[in-house]
Amino acid sequence: QLLSAQSYNPYLPAMSVFGFPSLAGLPGDLGSPASW
């Protein structure tokens, strides 16, 4: 399923923790990985 450069994830698994707030439903900036 790696069909384009945007399909890749060059980070190791623990970086995914910053995506959990958005996944939990926090809206906007509160859930953005960038904010965390």
PDB file of all heavy atoms in Angstrom:
ATOM      1  N   GLN A   1       0.805  -1.225   0.000  1.00  0.00           N
ATOM      2  CA  GLN A   1       0.000   0.000   0.000  1.00  0.00           C
ATOM      3  C   GLN A   1       0.839   1.275   0.000  1.00  0.00           C
ATOM      4  O   GLN A   1       0.297   2.374   0.107  1.00  0.00           O
ATOM      5  CB  GLN A   1      -0.928  -0.005   1.221  1.00  0.00           C
ATOM      6  CG  GLN A   1      -1.926  -1.159   1.223  1.00  0.00           C
ATOM      7  CD  GLN A   1      -2.860  -1.106   2.419  1.00  0.00           C
ATOM      8  OE1 GLN A   1      -3.149  -0.045   2.969  1.00  0.00           O
ATOM      9  NE2 GLN A   1      -3.343  -2.278   2.831  1.00  0.00           N
ATOM     10  N   LEU A   2       2.137   1.135  -0.135  1.00  0.00           N
ATOM     11  CA  LEU A   2       3.018   2.306  -0.200  1.00  0.00           C
ATOM     12  C   LEU A   2       3.067   2.793  -1.643  1.00  0.00           C
ATOM     13  O   LEU A   2       3.979   2.486  -2.399  1.00  0.00           O
ATOM     14  CB  LEU A   2       4.412   1.936   0.313  1.00  0.00           C
ATOM     15  CG  LEU A   2       4.460   1.461   1.772  1.00  0.00           C
ATOM     16  CD1 LEU A   2       5.856   0.983   2.139  1.00  0.00           C
ATOM     17  CD2 LEU A   2       4.007   2.574   2.717  1.00  0.00           C
ATOM     18  N   LEU A   3       2.062   3.572  -2.019  1.00  0.00           N
ATOM     19  CA  LEU A   3       1.860   3.951  -3.414  1.00  0.00           C
ATOM     20  C   LEU A   3       2.383   5.339  -3.758  1.00  0.00           C
ATOM     21  O   LEU A   3       2.370   5.733  -4.928  1.00  0.00           O
ATOM     22  CB  LEU A   3       0.364   3.873  -3.742  1.00  0.00           C
ATOM     23  CG  LEU A   3      -0.305   2.512  -3.469  1.00  0.00           C
ATOM     24  CD1 LEU A   3      -1.793   2.576  -3.793  1.00  0.00           C
ATOM     25  CD2 LEU A   3       0.380   1.406  -4.251  1.00  0.00           C
ATOM     26  N   SER A   4       2.819   6.110  -2.760  1.00  0.00           N
ATOM     27  CA  SER A   4       3.358   7.446  -3.006  1.00  0.00           C
ATOM     28  C   SER A   4       4.241   7.821  -1.826  1.00  0.00           C
ATOM     29  O   SER A   4       4.254   7.143  -0.790  1.00  0.00           O
ATOM     30  CB  SER A   4       2.229   8.473  -3.176  1.00  0.00           C
ATOM     31  OG  SER A   4       1.542   8.652  -1.954  1.00  0.00           O
ATOM     32  N   ALA A   5       4.956   8.923  -1.978  1.00  0.00           N
ATOM     33  CA  ALA A   5       5.829   9.367  -0.890  1.00  0.00           C
ATOM     34  C   ALA A   5       5.022   9.701   0.359  1.00  0.00           C
ATOM     35  O   ALA A   5       5.507   9.547   1.485  1.00  0.00           O
ATOM     36  CB  ALA A   5       6.632  10.583  -1.343  1.00  0.00           C
ATOM     37  N   GLN A   6       3.766  10.139   0.172  1.00  0.00           N
ATOM     38  CA  GLN A   6       2.925  10.477   1.317  1.00  0.00           C
ATOM     39  C   GLN A   6       2.450   9.246   2.086  1.00  0.00           C
ATOM     40  O   GLN A   6       1.913   9.374   3.179  1.00  0.00           O
ATOM     41  CB  GLN A   6       1.713  11.290   0.858  1.00  0.00           C
ATOM     42  CG  GLN A   6       2.019  12.713   0.431  1.00  0.00           C
ATOM     43  CD  GLN A   6       2.729  12.780  -0.913  1.00  0.00           C
ATOM     44  OE1 GLN A   6       2.511  11.929  -1.775  1.00  0.00           O
ATOM     45  NE2 GLN A   6       3.575  13.778  -1.080  1.00  0.00           N
ATOM     46  N   SER A   7       2.638   8.054   1.522  1.00  0.00           N
ATOM     47  CA  SER A   7       2.190   6.831   2.191  1.00  0.00           C
ATOM     48  C   SER A   7       3.169   6.363   3.257  1.00  0.00           C
ATOM     49  O   SER A   7       2.809   5.548   4.117  1.00  0.00           O
ATOM     50  CB  SER A   7       1.997   5.705   1.168  1.00  0.00           C
ATOM     51  OG  SER A   7       1.102   6.082   0.142  1.00  0.00           O
ATOM     52  N   TYR A   8       4.398   6.853   3.223  1.00  0.00           N
ATOM     53  CA  TYR A   8       5.425   6.338   4.124  1.00  0.00           C
ATOM     54  C   TYR A   8       5.374   7.046   5.480  1.00  0.00           C
ATOM     55  O   TYR A   8       4.921   8.174   5.608  1.00  0.00           O
ATOM     56  CB  TYR A   8       6.815   6.551   3.505  1.00  0.00           C
ATOM     57  CG  TYR A   8       7.080   5.674   2.307  1.00  0.00           C
ATOM     58  CD1 TYR A   8       6.686   6.070   1.032  1.00  0.00           C
ATOM     59  CD2 TYR A   8       7.724   4.457   2.449  1.00  0.00           C
ATOM     60  CE1 TYR A   8       6.932   5.272  -0.075  1.00  0.00           C
ATOM     61  CE2 TYR A   8       7.974   3.648   1.346  1.00  0.00           C
ATOM     62  CZ  TYR A   8       7.573   4.063   0.086  1.00  0.00           C
ATOM     63  OH  TYR A   8       7.805   3.274  -1.012  1.00  0.00           O
ATOM     64  N   ASN A   9       5.857   6.328   6.482  1.00  0.00           N
ATOM     65  CA  ASN A   9       6.010   6.864   7.834  1.00  0.00           C
ATOM     66  C   ASN A   9       7.447   6.614   8.279  1.00  0.00           C
ATOM     67  O   ASN A   9       7.778   5.514   8.719  1.00  0.00           O
ATOM     68  CB  ASN A   9       5.028   6.189   8.797  1.00  0.00           C
ATOM     69  CG  ASN A   9       5.265   6.600  10.249  1.00  0.00           C
ATOM     70  OD1 ASN A   9       5.962   7.574  10.518  1.00  0.00           O
ATOM     71  ND2 ASN A   9       4.697   5.845  11.175  1.00  0.00           N
ATOM     72  N   PRO A  10       8.335   7.614   8.157  1.00  0.00           N
ATOM     73  CA  PRO A  10       9.745   7.394   8.469  1.00  0.00           C
ATOM     74  C   PRO A  10      10.084   7.463   9.955  1.00  0.00           C
ATOM     75  O   PRO A  10      11.269   7.453  10.314  1.00  0.00           O
ATOM     76  CB  PRO A  10      10.439   8.525   7.706  1.00  0.00           C
ATOM     77  CG  PRO A  10       9.429   9.624   7.722  1.00  0.00           C
ATOM     78  CD  PRO A  10       8.086   8.966   7.643  1.00  0.00           C
ATOM     79  N   TYR A  11       9.057   7.528  10.824  1.00  0.00           N
ATOM     80  CA  TYR A  11       9.303   7.668  12.252  1.00  0.00           C
ATOM     81  C   TYR A  11       9.162   6.318  12.943  1.00  0.00           C
ATOM     82  O   TYR A  11       8.389   5.456  12.511  1.00  0.00           O
ATOM     83  CB  TYR A  11       8.340   8.683  12.872  1.00  0.00           C
ATOM     84  CG  TYR A  11       8.280   9.961  12.071  1.00  0.00           C
ATOM     85  CD1 TYR A  11       7.070  10.423  11.554  1.00  0.00           C
ATOM     86  CD2 TYR A  11       9.431  10.687  11.818  1.00  0.00           C
ATOM     87  CE1 TYR A  11       7.024  11.583  10.804  1.00  0.00           C
ATOM     88  CE2 TYR A  11       9.385  11.845  11.062  1.00  0.00           C
ATOM     89  CZ  TYR A  11       8.181  12.290  10.562  1.00  0.00           C
ATOM     90  OH  TYR A  11       8.147  13.427   9.801  1.00  0.00           O
ATOM     91  N   LEU A  12       9.868   6.160  14.032  1.00  0.00           N
ATOM     92  CA  LEU A  12       9.762   4.935  14.813  1.00  0.00           C
ATOM     93  C   LEU A  12       8.446   4.939  15.601  1.00  0.00           C
ATOM     94  O   LEU A  12       7.819   5.985  15.777  1.00  0.00           O
ATOM     95  CB  LEU A  12      10.978   4.803  15.725  1.00  0.00           C
ATOM     96  CG  LEU A  12      12.276   4.498  14.954  1.00  0.00           C
ATOM     97  CD1 LEU A  12      13.498   4.641  15.851  1.00  0.00           C
ATOM     98  CD2 LEU A  12      12.237   3.108  14.331  1.00  0.00           C
ATOM     99  N   PRO A  13       8.010   3.767  16.070  1.00  0.00           N
ATOM    100  CA  PRO A  13       6.628   3.632  16.571  1.00  0.00           C
ATOM    101  C   PRO A  13       6.217   4.595  17.670  1.00  0.00           C
ATOM    102  O   PRO A  13       5.066   5.061  17.695  1.00  0.00           O
ATOM    103  CB  PRO A  13       6.587   2.180  17.046  1.00  0.00           C
ATOM    104  CG  PRO A  13       7.548   1.467  16.161  1.00  0.00           C
ATOM    105  CD  PRO A  13       8.669   2.450  15.965  1.00  0.00           C
ATOM    106  N   ALA A  14       7.107   4.929  18.616  1.00  0.00           N
ATOM    107  CA  ALA A  14       6.685   5.750  19.755  1.00  0.00           C
ATOM    108  C   ALA A  14       6.261   7.154  19.346  1.00  0.00           C
ATOM    109  O   ALA A  14       5.548   7.823  20.099  1.00  0.00           O
ATOM    110  CB  ALA A  14       7.807   5.820  20.793  1.00  0.00           C
ATOM    111  N   MET A  15       6.656   7.611  18.174  1.00  0.00           N
ATOM    112  CA  MET A  15       6.223   8.932  17.711  1.00  0.00           C
ATOM    113  C   MET A  15       4.706   8.990  17.551  1.00  0.00           C
ATOM    114  O   MET A  15       4.101  10.074  17.614  1.00  0.00           O
ATOM    115  CB  MET A  15       6.909   9.272  16.381  1.00  0.00           C
ATOM    116  CG  MET A  15       6.664  10.683  15.881  1.00  0.00           C
ATOM    117  SD  MET A  15       7.356  11.976  16.941  1.00  0.00           S
ATOM    118  CE  MET A  15       9.115  11.765  16.577  1.00  0.00           C
ATOM    119  N   SER A  16       4.067   7.832  17.404  1.00  0.00           N
ATOM    120  CA  SER A  16       2.617   7.790  17.208  1.00  0.00           C
ATOM    121  C   SER A  16       1.851   8.323  18.404  1.00  0.00           C
ATOM    122  O   SER A  16       0.674   8.685  18.278  1.00  0.00           O
ATOM    123  CB  SER A  16       2.168   6.346  16.936  1.00  0.00           C
ATOM    124  OG  SER A  16       2.906   5.779  15.876  1.00  0.00           O
ATOM    125  N   VAL A  17       2.494   8.396  19.576  1.00  0.00           N
ATOM    126  CA  VAL A  17       1.793   8.849  20.770  1.00  0.00           C
ATOM    127  C   VAL A  17       1.231  10.254  20.584  1.00  0.00           C
ATOM    128  O   VAL A  17       0.185  10.595  21.154  1.00  0.00           O
ATOM    129  CB  VAL A  17       2.735   8.786  21.996  1.00  0.00           C
ATOM    130  CG1 VAL A  17       3.829   9.844  21.907  1.00  0.00           C
ATOM    131  CG2 VAL A  17       1.954   8.946  23.286  1.00  0.00           C
ATOM    132  N   PHE A  18       1.883  11.077  19.773  1.00  0.00           N
ATOM    133  CA  PHE A  18       1.398  12.445  19.579  1.00  0.00           C
ATOM    134  C   PHE A  18       0.143  12.493  18.718  1.00  0.00           C
ATOM    135  O   PHE A  18      -0.493  13.548  18.624  1.00  0.00           O
ATOM    136  CB  PHE A  18       2.495  13.296  18.948  1.00  0.00           C
ATOM    137  CG  PHE A  18       3.669  13.526  19.853  1.00  0.00           C
ATOM    138  CD1 PHE A  18       4.898  12.930  19.581  1.00  0.00           C
ATOM    139  CD2 PHE A  18       3.548  14.306  20.981  1.00  0.00           C
ATOM    140  CE1 PHE A  18       5.984  13.135  20.410  1.00  0.00           C
ATOM    141  CE2 PHE A  18       4.635  14.510  21.827  1.00  0.00           C
ATOM    142  CZ  PHE A  18       5.848  13.918  21.534  1.00  0.00           C
ATOM    143  N   GLY A  19      -0.238  11.388  18.105  1.00  0.00           N
ATOM    144  CA  GLY A  19      -1.471  11.343  17.345  1.00  0.00           C
ATOM    145  C   GLY A  19      -2.663  10.882  18.150  1.00  0.00           C
ATOM    146  O   GLY A  19      -3.806  10.960  17.667  1.00  0.00           O
ATOM    147  N   PHE A  20      -2.442  10.425  19.381  1.00  0.00           N
ATOM    148  CA  PHE A  20      -3.547   9.902  20.187  1.00  0.00           C
ATOM    149  C   PHE A  20      -4.569  10.960  20.590  1.00  0.00           C
ATOM    150  O   PHE A  20      -5.771  10.668  20.620  1.00  0.00           O
ATOM    151  CB  PHE A  20      -2.997   9.212  21.435  1.00  0.00           C
ATOM    152  CG  PHE A  20      -2.370   7.876  21.151  1.00  0.00           C
ATOM    153  CD1 PHE A  20      -1.718   7.172  22.151  1.00  0.00           C
ATOM    154  CD2 PHE A  20      -2.431   7.301  19.888  1.00  0.00           C
ATOM    155  CE1 PHE A  20      -1.141   5.946  21.895  1.00  0.00           C
ATOM    156  CE2 PHE A  20      -1.862   6.072  19.621  1.00  0.00           C
ATOM    157  CZ  PHE A  20      -1.210   5.388  20.634  1.00  0.00           C
ATOM    158  N   PRO A  21      -4.179  12.192  20.956  1.00  0.00           N
ATOM    159  CA  PRO A  21      -5.198  13.184  21.326  1.00  0.00           C
ATOM    160  C   PRO A  21      -6.213  13.439  20.205  1.00  0.00           C
ATOM    161  O   PRO A  21      -7.420  13.535  20.464  1.00  0.00           O
ATOM    162  CB  PRO A  21      -4.384  14.441  21.636  1.00  0.00           C
ATOM    163  CG  PRO A  21      -3.057  13.913  22.065  1.00  0.00           C
ATOM    164  CD  PRO A  21      -2.820  12.713  21.207  1.00  0.00           C
ATOM    165  N   SER A  22      -5.744  13.523  18.973  1.00  0.00           N
ATOM    166  CA  SER A  22      -6.678  13.706  17.860  1.00  0.00           C
ATOM    167  C   SER A  22      -7.558  12.485  17.691  1.00  0.00           C
ATOM    168  O   SER A  22      -8.769  12.601  17.443  1.00  0.00           O
ATOM    169  CB  SER A  22      -5.890  13.970  16.569  1.00  0.00           C
ATOM    170  OG  SER A  22      -6.754  14.047  15.462  1.00  0.00           O
ATOM    171  N   LEU A  23      -6.956  11.310  17.844  1.00  0.00           N
ATOM    172  CA  LEU A  23      -7.723  10.074  17.729  1.00  0.00           C
ATOM    173  C   LEU A  23      -8.775   9.967  18.820  1.00  0.00           C
ATOM    174  O   LEU A  23      -9.854   9.390  18.616  1.00  0.00           O
ATOM    175  CB  LEU A  23      -6.767   8.883  17.785  1.00  0.00           C
ATOM    176  CG  LEU A  23      -7.344   7.501  17.482  1.00  0.00           C
ATOM    177  CD1 LEU A  23      -7.895   7.445  16.064  1.00  0.00           C
ATOM    178  CD2 LEU A  23      -6.276   6.433  17.673  1.00  0.00           C
ATOM    179  N   ALA A  24      -8.473  10.542  19.992  1.00  0.00           N
ATOM    180  CA  ALA A  24      -9.424  10.510  21.103  1.00  0.00           C
ATOM    181  C   ALA A  24     -10.573  11.485  20.921  1.00  0.00           C
ATOM    182  O   ALA A  24     -11.508  11.495  21.726  1.00  0.00           O
ATOM    183  CB  ALA A  24      -8.701  10.804  22.409  1.00  0.00           C
ATOM    184  N   GLY A  25     -10.503  12.325  19.882  1.00  0.00           N
ATOM    185  CA  GLY A  25     -11.613  13.220  19.588  1.00  0.00           C
ATOM    186  C   GLY A  25     -11.416  14.653  20.011  1.00  0.00           C
ATOM    187  O   GLY A  25     -12.358  15.456  19.884  1.00  0.00           O
ATOM    188  N   LEU A  26     -10.232  15.013  20.507  1.00  0.00           N
ATOM    189  CA  LEU A  26     -10.007  16.410  20.867  1.00  0.00           C
ATOM    190  C   LEU A  26     -10.030  17.260  19.604  1.00  0.00           C
ATOM    191  O   LEU A  26      -9.369  16.940  18.619  1.00  0.00           O
ATOM    192  CB  LEU A  26      -8.670  16.564  21.578  1.00  0.00           C
ATOM    193  CG  LEU A  26      -8.563  15.928  22.968  1.00  0.00           C
ATOM    194  CD1 LEU A  26      -7.191  16.180  23.562  1.00  0.00           C
ATOM    195  CD2 LEU A  26      -9.647  16.463  23.892  1.00  0.00           C
ATOM    196  N   PRO A  27     -10.767  18.352  19.607  1.00  0.00           N
ATOM    197  CA  PRO A  27     -10.950  19.132  18.364  1.00  0.00           C
ATOM    198  C   PRO A  27      -9.822  20.100  18.110  1.00  0.00           C
ATOM    199  O   PRO A  27      -9.142  20.570  19.026  1.00  0.00           O
ATOM    200  CB  PRO A  27     -12.257  19.881  18.635  1.00  0.00           C
ATOM    201  CG  PRO A  27     -12.253  20.080  20.127  1.00  0.00           C
ATOM    202  CD  PRO A  27     -11.584  18.878  20.715  1.00  0.00           C
ATOM    203  N   GLY A  28      -9.628  20.437  16.843  1.00  0.00           N
ATOM    204  CA  GLY A  28      -8.745  21.522  16.441  1.00  0.00           C
ATOM    205  C   GLY A  28      -7.349  21.434  17.010  1.00  0.00           C
ATOM    206  O   GLY A  28      -6.720  20.379  17.041  1.00  0.00           O
ATOM    207  N   ASP A  29      -6.880  22.578  17.517  1.00  0.00           N
ATOM    208  CA  ASP A  29      -5.525  22.648  18.063  1.00  0.00           C
ATOM    209  C   ASP A  29      -5.341  21.741  19.268  1.00  0.00           C
ATOM    210  O   ASP A  29      -4.229  21.264  19.525  1.00  0.00           O
ATOM    211  CB  ASP A  29      -5.200  24.092  18.467  1.00  0.00           C
ATOM    212  CG  ASP A  29      -5.084  25.007  17.266  1.00  0.00           C
ATOM    213  OD1 ASP A  29      -5.053  24.491  16.133  1.00  0.00           O
ATOM    214  OD2 ASP A  29      -5.039  26.238  17.464  1.00  0.00           O
ATOM    215  N   LEU A  30      -6.401  21.491  20.027  1.00  0.00           N
ATOM    216  CA  LEU A  30      -6.268  20.643  21.217  1.00  0.00           C
ATOM    217  C   LEU A  30      -5.864  19.225  20.856  1.00  0.00           C
ATOM    218  O   LEU A  30      -5.206  18.543  21.639  1.00  0.00           O
ATOM    219  CB  LEU A  30      -7.584  20.633  22.006  1.00  0.00           C
ATOM    220  CG  LEU A  30      -7.969  21.925  22.714  1.00  0.00           C
ATOM    221  CD1 LEU A  30      -9.333  21.778  23.385  1.00  0.00           C
ATOM    222  CD2 LEU A  30      -6.907  22.309  23.738  1.00  0.00           C
ATOM    223  N   GLY A  31      -6.263  18.774  19.692  1.00  0.00           N
ATOM    224  CA  GLY A  31      -5.932  17.411  19.299  1.00  0.00           C
ATOM    225  C   GLY A  31      -4.804  17.310  18.301  1.00  0.00           C
ATOM    226  O   GLY A  31      -4.357  16.202  17.983  1.00  0.00           O
ATOM    227  N   SER A  32      -4.316  18.431  17.810  1.00  0.00           N
ATOM    228  CA  SER A  32      -3.294  18.412  16.772  1.00  0.00           C
ATOM    229  C   SER A  32      -1.988  17.826  17.290  1.00  0.00           C
ATOM    230  O   SER A  32      -1.505  18.213  18.365  1.00  0.00           O
ATOM    231  CB  SER A  32      -3.040  19.828  16.254  1.00  0.00           C
ATOM    232  OG  SER A  32      -1.914  19.862  15.404  1.00  0.00           O
ATOM    233  N   PRO A  33      -1.374  16.896  16.554  1.00  0.00           N
ATOM    234  CA  PRO A  33      -0.047  16.401  16.959  1.00  0.00           C
ATOM    235  C   PRO A  33       0.965  17.529  17.090  1.00  0.00           C
ATOM    236  O   PRO A  33       1.842  17.484  17.961  1.00  0.00           O
ATOM    237  CB  PRO A  33       0.325  15.442  15.828  1.00  0.00           C
ATOM    238  CG  PRO A  33      -0.973  15.000  15.245  1.00  0.00           C
ATOM    239  CD  PRO A  33      -1.886  16.188  15.370  1.00  0.00           C
ATOM    240  N   ALA A  34       0.845  18.554  16.245  1.00  0.00           N
ATOM    241  CA  ALA A  34       1.786  19.670  16.321  1.00  0.00           C
ATOM    242  C   ALA A  34       1.707  20.375  17.671  1.00  0.00           C
ATOM    243  O   ALA A  34       2.730  20.744  18.261  1.00  0.00           O
ATOM    244  CB  ALA A  34       1.511  20.654  15.191  1.00  0.00           C
ATOM    245  N   SER A  35       0.487  20.565  18.179  1.00  0.00           N
ATOM    246  CA  SER A  35       0.320  21.231  19.468  1.00  0.00           C
ATOM    247  C   SER A  35       0.944  20.421  20.593  1.00  0.00           C
ATOM    248  O   SER A  35       1.626  20.961  21.471  1.00  0.00           O
ATOM    249  CB  SER A  35      -1.164  21.462  19.759  1.00  0.00           C
ATOM    250  OG  SER A  35      -1.760  22.285  18.780  1.00  0.00           O
ATOM    251  N   TRP A  36       0.753  19.108  20.571  1.00  0.00           N
ATOM    252  CA  TRP A  36       1.290  18.264  21.634  1.00  0.00           C
ATOM    253  C   TRP A  36       2.801  18.129  21.530  1.00  0.00           C
ATOM    254  O   TRP A  36       3.498  18.101  22.554  1.00  0.00           O
ATOM    255  CB  TRP A  36       0.610  16.896  21.595  1.00  0.00           C
ATOM    256  CG  TRP A  36      -0.781  16.976  22.127  1.00  0.00           C
ATOM    257  CD1 TRP A  36      -1.930  17.185  21.422  1.00  0.00           C
ATOM    258  CD2 TRP A  36      -1.172  16.910  23.496  1.00  0.00           C
ATOM    259  NE1 TRP A  36      -3.013  17.249  22.268  1.00  0.00           N
ATOM    260  CE2 TRP A  36      -2.577  17.074  23.543  1.00  0.00           C
ATOM    261  CE3 TRP A  36      -0.480  16.730  24.692  1.00  0.00           C
ATOM    262  CZ2 TRP A  36      -3.289  17.055  24.740  1.00  0.00           C
ATOM    263  CZ3 TRP A  36      -1.184  16.711  25.885  1.00  0.00           C
ATOM    264  CH2 TRP A  36      -2.569  16.873  25.899  1.00  0.00           C
TER     265      TRP A  36
END
